[in-house]
Protein backbone atom coordinates (compact mmCIF):
# COMPACT_ATOMS: atom_id res chain seq x y z
CA MET A 1 -12.97 -18.54 7.74
CA PRO A 2 -9.95 -16.36 7.06
CA ILE A 3 -8.47 -15.20 3.20
CA ASP A 4 -5.63 -16.49 1.95
CA ILE A 5 -2.81 -13.73 0.47
CA ARG A 6 -0.92 -14.89 -2.12
CA GLN A 7 2.25 -12.56 -2.63
CA PHE A 8 4.43 -12.61 -5.76
CA ALA A 9 7.61 -10.01 -7.06
CA CYS A 10 6.85 -8.74 -10.81
CA LEU A 11 7.89 -5.76 -13.05
CA SER A 12 11.26 -4.18 -11.10
CA ASP A 13 9.90 -3.69 -7.80
CA ASN A 14 6.28 -4.27 -7.54
CA TYR A 15 4.37 -6.70 -5.71
CA GLY A 16 0.82 -8.37 -6.58
CA TYR A 17 -1.37 -10.09 -4.46
CA LEU A 18 -4.16 -12.35 -4.96
CA VAL A 19 -6.89 -12.47 -2.16
CA HIS A 20 -8.91 -15.96 -2.03
CA ASP A 21 -12.21 -16.15 0.10
CA ARG A 22 -11.84 -19.76 1.34
CA VAL A 23 -15.75 -20.25 1.48
CA THR A 24 -16.73 -19.05 -2.02
CA GLY A 25 -13.92 -19.39 -4.01
CA ALA A 26 -13.88 -15.86 -4.71
CA THR A 27 -10.70 -14.59 -5.66
CA ALA A 28 -9.19 -11.06 -6.17
CA ALA A 29 -6.10 -9.76 -7.90
CA ILE A 30 -5.05 -6.18 -5.64
CA ASP A 31 -3.87 -4.04 -8.90
CA THR A 32 -2.75 -5.33 -12.27
CA PRO A 33 1.18 -4.54 -12.60
CA ASP A 34 1.35 -7.61 -14.96
CA ALA A 35 -1.52 -9.97 -16.24
CA GLY A 36 0.87 -12.86 -17.17
CA ALA A 37 2.51 -12.75 -13.76
CA ILE A 38 -1.19 -12.83 -12.33
CA ASN A 39 -2.54 -15.91 -14.45
CA ARG A 40 0.66 -17.79 -13.65
CA GLU A 41 0.01 -17.66 -9.58
CA LEU A 42 -3.82 -18.14 -10.19
CA GLU A 43 -2.75 -21.53 -12.52
CA ALA A 44 -0.49 -22.52 -9.60
CA ALA A 45 -2.97 -21.96 -6.68
CA GLY A 46 -5.64 -23.26 -8.58
CA TRP A 47 -8.04 -20.35 -7.90
CA LYS A 48 -10.13 -18.39 -10.75
CA LEU A 49 -9.89 -14.55 -10.59
CA THR A 50 -13.51 -12.99 -9.97
CA HIS A 51 -12.70 -9.41 -9.15
CA ILE A 52 -9.82 -6.85 -9.44
CA LEU A 53 -9.64 -4.33 -6.96
CA ASN A 54 -7.71 -1.44 -7.65
CA THR A 55 -5.68 1.22 -5.80
CA HIS A 56 -5.03 3.61 -8.66
CA HIS A 57 -4.86 4.63 -12.23
CA HIS A 58 -0.90 4.57 -12.41
CA TRP A 59 -0.17 1.70 -15.53
CA ASP A 60 1.74 -0.51 -12.71
CA HIS A 61 -1.62 -0.82 -10.84
CA ALA A 62 -4.38 -1.29 -13.69
CA GLY A 63 -2.14 -2.12 -16.82
CA GLY A 64 -3.50 -5.53 -16.76
CA ASN A 65 -7.13 -4.81 -16.20
CA LEU A 66 -8.53 -5.63 -19.60
CA ALA A 67 -6.29 -8.73 -20.25
CA LEU A 68 -7.29 -10.43 -17.29
CA LYS A 69 -11.11 -8.83 -17.58
CA GLU A 70 -10.90 -10.64 -21.73
CA THR A 71 -9.81 -14.07 -19.91
CA TRP A 72 -12.17 -14.09 -16.64
CA GLY A 73 -14.86 -11.78 -17.11
CA CYS A 74 -14.09 -10.69 -13.48
CA GLU A 75 -15.29 -7.34 -11.78
CA ILE A 76 -13.28 -4.46 -11.21
CA VAL A 77 -13.61 -1.87 -8.93
CA GLY A 78 -11.80 0.80 -8.59
CA PRO A 79 -11.81 4.62 -7.38
CA LYS A 80 -14.96 6.82 -8.20
CA GLY A 81 -12.24 9.78 -8.22
CA GLU A 82 -10.41 8.19 -11.47
CA ALA A 83 -12.87 6.50 -12.86
CA ALA A 84 -12.66 8.19 -16.47
CA LYS A 85 -8.83 6.47 -16.00
CA ILE A 86 -9.73 2.82 -15.00
CA PRO A 87 -9.46 0.59 -17.67
CA GLY A 88 -12.83 -1.71 -17.41
CA LEU A 89 -13.70 -0.50 -14.58
CA ASP A 90 -17.38 -1.97 -13.59
CA ARG A 91 -17.75 -0.39 -10.02
CA PRO A 92 -16.55 3.14 -9.06
CA VAL A 93 -16.18 2.95 -5.29
CA GLY A 94 -15.37 5.53 -2.45
CA GLU A 95 -15.21 6.22 1.29
CA GLY A 96 -16.74 3.51 3.37
CA ALA A 97 -17.93 1.16 0.35
CA GLU A 98 -17.97 -2.30 1.45
CA ILE A 99 -16.79 -4.81 -0.95
CA MET A 100 -17.68 -8.35 -0.54
CA LEU A 101 -15.44 -11.16 -1.75
CA GLY A 102 -17.53 -14.10 -1.33
CA ALA A 103 -17.92 -14.55 2.39
CA SER A 104 -15.33 -11.73 2.97
CA LYS A 105 -15.19 -8.05 3.39
CA ALA A 106 -13.21 -5.10 2.46
CA THR A 107 -13.76 -1.61 3.20
CA VAL A 108 -12.82 1.06 1.39
CA HIS A 109 -10.92 3.89 2.57
CA GLU A 110 -10.23 7.13 0.39
CA THR A 111 -6.39 7.87 0.60
CA PRO A 112 -5.68 11.20 -1.56
CA GLY A 113 -1.68 12.32 -1.91
CA HIS A 114 0.08 9.59 -4.27
CA THR A 115 -3.08 10.08 -6.54
CA LEU A 116 -6.31 12.32 -6.19
CA GLY A 117 -8.60 9.40 -6.27
CA HIS A 118 -6.36 6.87 -4.69
CA ILE A 119 -8.21 4.40 -2.54
CA ILE A 120 -7.05 0.88 0.29
CA TYR A 121 -9.28 -1.98 0.39
CA HIS A 122 -9.11 -3.09 4.54
CA PHE A 123 -9.98 -6.34 5.47
CA ALA A 124 -10.64 -5.96 8.96
CA ASP A 125 -11.93 -9.32 9.91
CA ASP A 126 -8.38 -10.19 8.62
CA ARG A 127 -6.32 -7.85 9.91
CA ALA A 128 -4.83 -6.66 6.64
CA ALA A 129 -5.02 -3.44 4.22
CA PHE A 130 -3.85 -3.46 0.85
CA VAL A 131 -2.53 -0.07 0.86
CA GLY A 132 -1.31 0.65 -2.95
CA ASP A 133 1.36 3.29 -3.31
CA THR A 134 -0.16 5.39 -0.11
CA ILE A 135 2.31 4.00 2.64
CA PHE A 136 5.39 1.75 2.07
CA ALA A 137 7.38 0.18 4.63
CA MET A 138 9.21 3.26 6.13
CA GLY A 139 8.08 5.21 3.52
CA CYS A 140 5.12 6.67 1.34
CA GLY A 141 4.05 7.73 -1.99
CA ARG A 142 5.39 10.73 -4.01
CA LEU A 143 2.86 13.49 -4.33
CA PHE A 144 2.12 13.42 -7.99
CA GLU A 145 -1.06 14.82 -7.95
CA GLY A 146 -2.38 15.70 -4.50
CA THR A 147 -0.80 17.92 -1.70
CA ALA A 148 0.87 17.02 1.54
CA GLU A 149 -2.42 18.25 3.51
CA GLN A 150 -4.01 15.26 1.73
CA MET A 151 -1.26 12.98 2.12
CA TRP A 152 -0.71 13.50 6.38
CA SER A 153 -4.41 12.80 6.73
CA SER A 154 -4.50 9.31 4.22
CA LEU A 155 -1.49 8.29 6.52
CA SER A 156 -3.03 9.54 10.13
CA MET A 157 -5.87 7.33 8.91
CA ILE A 158 -3.87 4.23 8.22
CA SER A 159 -1.70 4.72 11.36
CA ALA A 160 -5.17 4.66 13.36
CA LEU A 161 -5.93 1.09 11.99
CA PRO A 162 -5.19 -1.52 14.80
CA ALA A 163 -1.49 -2.22 15.51
CA ASP A 164 -1.19 -5.81 14.25
CA THR A 165 -3.15 -4.73 10.92
CA LYS A 166 -1.01 -5.87 7.83
CA LEU A 167 0.07 -3.81 5.11
CA TYR A 168 0.14 -5.02 1.85
CA CYS A 169 2.14 -2.53 0.30
CA ALA A 170 2.72 -2.39 -3.80
CA HIS A 171 6.49 -1.90 -3.73
CA GLU A 172 9.87 -3.41 -2.35
CA TYR A 173 11.15 0.29 -1.19
CA THR A 174 12.19 -0.73 2.09
CA LYS A 175 16.27 -0.95 1.51
CA ALA A 176 16.10 3.02 0.32
CA ASN A 177 13.42 3.69 2.56
CA ALA A 178 15.25 2.96 5.45
CA ALA A 179 18.79 4.87 4.37
CA PHE A 180 16.68 7.93 4.20
CA ALA A 181 14.50 7.26 7.15
CA LEU A 182 17.78 7.16 9.50
CA SER A 183 19.05 10.49 8.03
CA VAL A 184 16.13 12.20 9.31
CA ASP A 185 15.15 10.02 12.62
CA PRO A 186 18.82 8.87 13.45
CA GLN A 187 18.41 8.36 17.29
CA ASN A 188 15.41 5.87 16.86
CA ILE A 189 16.81 2.48 18.03
CA ASP A 190 13.71 0.61 16.68
CA LEU A 191 14.53 2.01 13.22
CA LYS A 192 18.21 1.47 13.61
CA LYS A 193 17.28 -2.21 14.50
CA ARG A 194 15.10 -2.39 11.42
CA SER A 195 17.10 -1.42 9.18
CA ALA A 196 19.87 -4.16 10.14
CA GLU A 197 17.09 -6.35 9.56
CA VAL A 198 16.26 -5.31 5.84
CA GLU A 199 19.60 -5.77 5.07
CA THR A 200 19.69 -9.15 5.69
CA LEU A 201 16.48 -10.21 4.47
CA ARG A 202 17.36 -8.17 1.41
CA ALA A 203 20.54 -9.39 0.85
CA LYS A 204 18.78 -13.11 0.87
CA ASN A 205 16.28 -11.65 -1.60
CA ILE A 206 13.51 -12.29 1.16
CA PRO A 207 10.52 -9.67 0.61
CA THR A 208 10.66 -7.05 3.46
CA VAL A 209 6.38 -6.58 2.75
CA PRO A 210 4.00 -6.74 4.23
CA THR A 211 4.67 -4.61 7.27
CA THR A 212 2.45 -3.82 10.43
CA VAL A 213 0.60 -0.88 11.37
CA ALA A 214 2.89 -0.90 14.49
CA LEU A 215 6.11 -1.30 12.98
CA GLU A 216 5.57 1.90 10.47
CA ARG A 217 4.18 3.69 13.69
CA ALA A 218 7.81 3.21 15.62
CA THR A 219 10.09 3.25 12.68
CA ASN A 220 8.42 5.11 9.34
CA PRO A 221 9.86 9.12 9.43
CA PHE A 222 6.19 9.91 7.53
CA LEU A 223 3.77 9.06 10.49
CA ARG A 224 6.31 10.46 13.24
CA ALA A 225 5.80 13.92 12.10
CA ALA A 226 5.13 15.05 15.80
CA ASP A 227 7.90 13.12 17.47
CA PRO A 228 10.23 15.98 18.67
CA SER A 229 13.47 14.26 18.22
CA LEU A 230 12.53 13.78 14.38
CA GLN A 231 11.65 17.17 14.39
CA ALA A 232 14.51 18.58 15.82
CA ALA A 233 16.75 16.62 13.16
CA ILE A 234 15.18 18.76 10.79
CA ASN A 235 15.49 21.99 12.42
CA MET A 236 11.39 22.11 12.66
CA GLU A 237 11.02 21.80 16.31
CA GLY A 238 7.44 22.58 17.54
CA ALA A 239 5.95 22.88 14.11
CA LYS A 240 2.43 21.95 12.82
CA PRO A 241 2.87 17.87 12.28
CA VAL A 242 1.70 18.87 8.65
CA ASP A 243 4.30 20.84 8.06
CA VAL A 244 6.85 18.53 9.33
CA PHE A 245 5.73 15.78 7.02
CA ALA A 246 6.00 18.11 4.00
CA GLU A 247 9.20 18.72 4.98
CA THR A 248 10.35 15.41 5.45
CA ARG A 249 8.71 14.43 1.75
CA ARG A 250 10.49 17.02 0.28
CA LEU A 251 14.04 15.68 1.80
CA LYS A 252 13.02 12.57 0.13
CA ASP A 253 12.35 13.79 -3.02
CA ASN A 254 16.00 15.11 -2.97
CA PHE A 255 17.74 12.60 -1.05
C-alpha cells in the first residue's frame, strides 16, 4: 500500500514533508525546517510523528530536531558523515542503508556536494525520492563543502533513477533556476515550455515541486553537461561532462 505524502511551505522558501505509512501509521518528517509548522501539519492530518529523516546538517533542515523529539519521542535518522552536527541523532546511516517506516522502505544514498555528508531517501516502491538540497527543479545545491566531482557523481546517480521517480526538493527555487537555465541552454525547447509553465504556476502561488527524474533530465542544465548544445552555449564543446558541470555551477553562482 503506498505512502501518503503531505507537503507544506515553511520559512521563506522551504518545503516540509510528512511521509505516512498507511499500514502502521508510522510517520516521518523529512528534515525539520520549522517544528511549529510540522506540528500543525501533524495535527491537521491526525498523524503521530515516529521518525525524523535528516538529509544534512544545515539549520533549515535539522533545526527543529530537538523540539520535535521532546514532543514526540521520535527516532532521528541522519547522515553518518555529519553525525556530530545532527541534533539528537539516534541512527547514523550511509550508502545502501534501509530505513523501515512501518511497512514502507526507504534506501539511503550518499550525495555529497552541497555538504560532505548529504544523503537522500529513496522510496523505490513508491517512486519517490526526498533529495534535500542536492537537486532542485532545474537546479542543484551550492557546493558549500564538496567538490564539483562529488556533486556531478551525486547528480548522475539521481539522474539514473527510474524516469517516473518524483523528486521532492527542499526549496521553491524553480522560477530563478529557470531564468539561469535559459541563459546556458537557450535552444532547449523543453526548457522554454517548462519555464512558461513555471511562470504560470508561481503567479498563482502554486508549488512547482515535486519534479520528476524525466523532467530534470530534459530541462535541468546541471544534468545536461554532456549535451552538445549546452556545451556550445558556454564555450566548452567536447569538454568532460564534469568540467562542463563545474563551469555551469560557477556561472550560476555569479548569475
